[in-house]
């Protein structure tokens, strides 16, 4: 990874990507693939990705919880 580059997670698809990368269309919040998606669609994808992440975390916590 070059100086100043950091691993980011795309808000729309959840993919990990390096940012900033020279000549890449990626932004701080979206990977190069998702920047090509229309803004309205990307916003919906962000909400869905956020909800899926919440549900995964909730499921993980419930499965780790000791049964009485």
C-alpha atoms as a PDB file:
ATOM      1  CA  UNK A   1       0.000   0.000   0.000  1.00  0.00           C
ATOM      2  CA  UNK A   2       1.432   3.367  -0.993  1.00  0.00           C
ATOM      3  CA  UNK A   3       1.928   6.200   1.451  1.00  0.00           C
ATOM      4  CA  UNK A   4      -1.388   7.733   2.455  1.00  0.00           C
ATOM      5  CA  UNK A   5      -3.503   4.851   1.119  1.00  0.00           C
ATOM      6  CA  UNK A   6      -5.913   3.226   3.526  1.00  0.00           C
ATOM      7  CA  UNK A   7      -8.271   0.280   3.375  1.00  0.00           C
ATOM      8  CA  UNK A   8     -11.835   1.524   3.072  1.00  0.00           C
ATOM      9  CA  UNK A   9     -15.141  -0.322   3.012  1.00  0.00           C
ATOM     10  CA  UNK A  10     -17.660   0.664   0.367  1.00  0.00           C
ATOM     11  CA  UNK A  11     -20.911   1.891   1.917  1.00  0.00           C
ATOM     12  CA  UNK A  12     -22.966   0.487  -0.959  1.00  0.00           C
ATOM     13  CA  UNK A  13     -21.551  -3.008  -1.484  1.00  0.00           C
ATOM     14  CA  UNK A  14     -19.308  -3.621   1.534  1.00  0.00           C
ATOM     15  CA  UNK A  15     -16.242  -4.405  -0.578  1.00  0.00           C
ATOM     16  CA  UNK A  16     -12.821  -3.467   0.825  1.00  0.00           C
ATOM     17  CA  UNK A  17     -10.739  -1.147  -1.374  1.00  0.00           C
ATOM     18  CA  UNK A  18      -7.642   1.045  -1.143  1.00  0.00           C
ATOM     19  CA  UNK A  19      -8.162   4.801  -1.163  1.00  0.00           C
ATOM     20  CA  UNK A  20      -6.822   7.039  -2.565  1.00  0.00           C
ATOM     21  CA  UNK A  21      -5.383   5.321  -5.617  1.00  0.00           C
ATOM     22  CA  UNK A  22      -4.134   7.368  -8.561  1.00  0.00           C
ATOM     23  CA  UNK A  23      -6.508   7.355 -11.571  1.00  0.00           C
ATOM     24  CA  UNK A  24      -9.171   5.438  -9.637  1.00  0.00           C
ATOM     25  CA  UNK A  25     -12.785   6.606  -9.681  1.00  0.00           C
ATOM     26  CA  UNK A  26     -13.228   5.449  -6.077  1.00  0.00           C
ATOM     27  CA  UNK A  27     -14.256   7.994  -3.468  1.00  0.00           C
ATOM     28  CA  UNK A  28     -13.849   7.961   0.304  1.00  0.00           C
ATOM     29  CA  UNK A  29     -17.168   6.187   0.665  1.00  0.00           C
ATOM     30  CA  UNK A  30     -17.623   4.152  -2.523  1.00  0.00           C
ATOM     31  CA  UNK A  31     -15.487   1.674  -4.447  1.00  0.00           C
ATOM     32  CA  UNK A  32     -14.717   2.199  -8.115  1.00  0.00           C
ATOM     33  CA  UNK A  33     -17.553  -0.147  -9.178  1.00  0.00           C
ATOM     34  CA  UNK A  34     -20.215   1.626  -7.113  1.00  0.00           C
ATOM     35  CA  UNK A  35     -19.309   5.118  -8.284  1.00  0.00           C
ATOM     36  CA  UNK A  36     -20.755   4.117 -11.670  1.00  0.00           C
ATOM     37  CA  UNK A  37     -24.141   3.303 -10.072  1.00  0.00           C
ATOM     38  CA  UNK A  38     -26.723   6.122 -10.136  1.00  0.00           C
ATOM     39  CA  UNK A  39     -26.854   8.088  -6.862  1.00  0.00           C
ATOM     40  CA  UNK A  40     -30.452   7.127  -6.019  1.00  0.00           C
ATOM     41  CA  UNK A  41     -29.705   3.432  -6.484  1.00  0.00           C
ATOM     42  CA  UNK A  42     -26.473   3.745  -4.501  1.00  0.00           C
ATOM     43  CA  UNK A  43     -28.387   5.351  -1.625  1.00  0.00           C
ATOM     44  CA  UNK A  44     -30.800   2.409  -1.558  1.00  0.00           C
ATOM     45  CA  UNK A  45     -27.885  -0.029  -1.639  1.00  0.00           C
ATOM     46  CA  UNK A  46     -26.284   1.801   1.289  1.00  0.00           C
ATOM     47  CA  UNK A  47     -29.452   1.393   3.367  1.00  0.00           C
ATOM     48  CA  UNK A  48     -29.749  -2.289   2.476  1.00  0.00           C
ATOM     49  CA  UNK A  49     -26.072  -2.956   3.199  1.00  0.00           C
ATOM     50  CA  UNK A  50     -26.384  -1.191   6.549  1.00  0.00           C
ATOM     51  CA  UNK A  51     -29.442  -3.244   7.513  1.00  0.00           C
ATOM     52  CA  UNK A  52     -27.818  -6.531   6.466  1.00  0.00           C
ATOM     53  CA  UNK A  53     -24.759  -5.657   8.571  1.00  0.00           C
ATOM     54  CA  UNK A  54     -26.984  -4.872  11.567  1.00  0.00           C
ATOM     55  CA  UNK A  55     -28.807  -8.186  11.209  1.00  0.00           C
ATOM     56  CA  UNK A  56     -25.535 -10.131  10.869  1.00  0.00           C
ATOM     57  CA  UNK A  57     -24.182  -8.516  14.026  1.00  0.00           C
ATOM     58  CA  UNK A  58     -27.418  -9.188  15.911  1.00  0.00           C
ATOM     59  CA  UNK A  59     -27.373 -12.832  14.808  1.00  0.00           C
ATOM     60  CA  UNK A  60     -23.728 -13.172  15.856  1.00  0.00           C
ATOM     61  CA  UNK A  61     -24.481 -11.701  19.301  1.00  0.00           C
ATOM     62  CA  UNK A  62     -27.475 -13.994  19.770  1.00  0.00           C
ATOM     63  CA  UNK A  63     -25.478 -17.073  18.793  1.00  0.00           C
ATOM     64  CA  UNK A  64     -22.718 -16.127  21.270  1.00  0.00           C
ATOM     65  CA  UNK A  65     -25.175 -15.575  24.100  1.00  0.00           C
ATOM     66  CA  UNK A  66     -25.120 -18.432  26.614  1.00  0.00           C
ATOM     67  CA  UNK A  67     -28.388 -20.345  26.891  1.00  0.00           C
ATOM     68  CA  UNK A  68     -30.039 -20.567  30.284  1.00  0.00           C
END
